[in-house]
C-alpha atoms as a PDB file:
ATOM      1  CA  MET A   1     -72.186 -26.551 -48.384  1.00  0.00           C
ATOM      2  CA  ILE A   2     -72.974 -26.651 -51.969  1.00  0.00           C
ATOM      3  CA  ASN A   3     -76.566 -25.551 -51.451  1.00  0.00           C
ATOM      4  CA  ARG A   4     -75.195 -22.364 -49.480  1.00  0.00           C
ATOM      5  CA  LEU A   5     -72.641 -21.659 -52.308  1.00  0.00           C
ATOM      6  CA  ILE A   6     -75.586 -21.919 -54.962  1.00  0.00           C
ATOM      7  CA  GLN A   7     -77.837 -19.556 -52.918  1.00  0.00           C
ATOM      8  CA  LYS A   8     -75.123 -17.074 -52.555  1.00  0.00           C
ATOM      9  CA  ILE A   9     -74.170 -17.018 -56.272  1.00  0.00           C
ATOM     10  CA  GLN A  10     -77.995 -16.662 -57.089  1.00  0.00           C
ATOM     11  CA  GLU A  11     -78.293 -13.757 -54.682  1.00  0.00           C
ATOM     12  CA  THR A  12     -75.250 -11.898 -55.654  1.00  0.00           C
ATOM     13  CA  LYS A  13     -75.177 -12.927 -59.276  1.00  0.00           C
ATOM     14  CA  ALA A  14     -71.591 -13.577 -58.909  1.00  0.00           C
ATOM     15  CA  PRO A  15     -69.731 -15.914 -61.031  1.00  0.00           C
ATOM     16  CA  ILE A  16     -67.765 -18.787 -59.507  1.00  0.00           C
ATOM     17  CA  CYS A  17     -64.150 -19.589 -60.342  1.00  0.00           C
ATOM     18  CA  VAL A  18     -62.760 -23.130 -59.769  1.00  0.00           C
ATOM     19  CA  GLY A  19     -58.932 -23.938 -60.028  1.00  0.00           C
ATOM     20  CA  LEU A  20     -58.119 -27.166 -61.734  1.00  0.00           C
ATOM     21  CA  ASP A  21     -54.825 -28.642 -60.826  1.00  0.00           C
ATOM     22  CA  PRO A  22     -53.530 -31.358 -63.010  1.00  0.00           C
ATOM     23  CA  MET A  23     -51.516 -33.303 -60.157  1.00  0.00           C
ATOM     24  CA  LEU A  24     -51.949 -36.902 -59.758  1.00  0.00           C
ATOM     25  CA  ASN A  25     -51.666 -36.767 -55.987  1.00  0.00           C
ATOM     26  CA  TYR A  26     -54.831 -34.805 -55.950  1.00  0.00           C
ATOM     27  CA  ILE A  27     -56.726 -37.539 -57.900  1.00  0.00           C
ATOM     28  CA  PRO A  28     -58.844 -39.909 -55.595  1.00  0.00           C
ATOM     29  CA  GLU A  29     -57.771 -43.368 -55.796  1.00  0.00           C
ATOM     30  CA  HIS A  30     -60.995 -44.724 -57.473  1.00  0.00           C
ATOM     31  CA  ILE A  31     -60.564 -42.335 -60.312  1.00  0.00           C
ATOM     32  CA  LEU A  32     -56.925 -43.341 -60.696  1.00  0.00           C
ATOM     33  CA  GLU A  33     -57.780 -47.143 -60.627  1.00  0.00           C
ATOM     34  CA  ALA A  34     -60.499 -46.577 -63.311  1.00  0.00           C
ATOM     35  CA  ALA A  35     -58.168 -44.778 -65.553  1.00  0.00           C
ATOM     36  CA  TYR A  36     -55.221 -47.078 -65.245  1.00  0.00           C
ATOM     37  CA  GLY A  37     -57.707 -50.001 -65.657  1.00  0.00           C
ATOM     38  CA  THR A  38     -58.717 -48.590 -68.951  1.00  0.00           C
ATOM     39  CA  CYS A  39     -55.491 -47.056 -70.229  1.00  0.00           C
ATOM     40  CA  GLY A  40     -52.837 -48.649 -68.298  1.00  0.00           C
ATOM     41  CA  GLU A  41     -50.272 -47.006 -65.971  1.00  0.00           C
ATOM     42  CA  THR A  42     -49.134 -44.729 -68.691  1.00  0.00           C
ATOM     43  CA  LEU A  43     -49.149 -41.121 -69.450  1.00  0.00           C
ATOM     44  CA  GLU A  44     -52.438 -41.806 -71.335  1.00  0.00           C
ATOM     45  CA  GLY A  45     -53.930 -43.228 -68.154  1.00  0.00           C
ATOM     46  CA  ALA A  46     -52.628 -40.320 -66.070  1.00  0.00           C
ATOM     47  CA  ALA A  47     -54.173 -38.015 -68.573  1.00  0.00           C
ATOM     48  CA  GLU A  48     -57.437 -39.771 -68.426  1.00  0.00           C
ATOM     49  CA  ALA A  49     -57.517 -39.671 -64.560  1.00  0.00           C
ATOM     50  CA  ILE A  50     -56.785 -35.919 -64.503  1.00  0.00           C
ATOM     51  CA  TRP A  51     -59.520 -35.418 -67.307  1.00  0.00           C
ATOM     52  CA  GLN A  52     -62.032 -37.431 -65.369  1.00  0.00           C
ATOM     53  CA  TYR A  53     -61.225 -35.788 -62.035  1.00  0.00           C
ATOM     54  CA  ASN A  54     -61.463 -32.244 -63.450  1.00  0.00           C
ATOM     55  CA  LYS A  55     -64.538 -33.137 -65.461  1.00  0.00           C
ATOM     56  CA  GLU A  56     -66.289 -34.265 -62.112  1.00  0.00           C
ATOM     57  CA  ILE A  57     -65.325 -30.940 -60.609  1.00  0.00           C
ATOM     58  CA  ILE A  58     -66.752 -28.917 -63.345  1.00  0.00           C
ATOM     59  CA  ASP A  59     -69.881 -31.216 -63.454  1.00  0.00           C
ATOM     60  CA  HIS A  60     -70.551 -30.600 -59.783  1.00  0.00           C
ATOM     61  CA  THR A  61     -70.067 -26.834 -59.895  1.00  0.00           C
ATOM     62  CA  TRP A  62     -72.080 -26.162 -63.073  1.00  0.00           C
ATOM     63  CA  ILE A  63     -75.503 -24.676 -62.362  1.00  0.00           C
END
């Protein structure tokens, strides 16, 4: 699917818009576990999980 998206963006020269939702229930368990393992089950840990998840989305959509 991502290859088709990249092809369409290149063909149309259209930008892509990605929404980033800072909601913990959207964060995959492995990212939450890693963040909580590093920062504890705190607001800092939750913020780290959201940061890592959104960063991963951006990294995968950046061309």
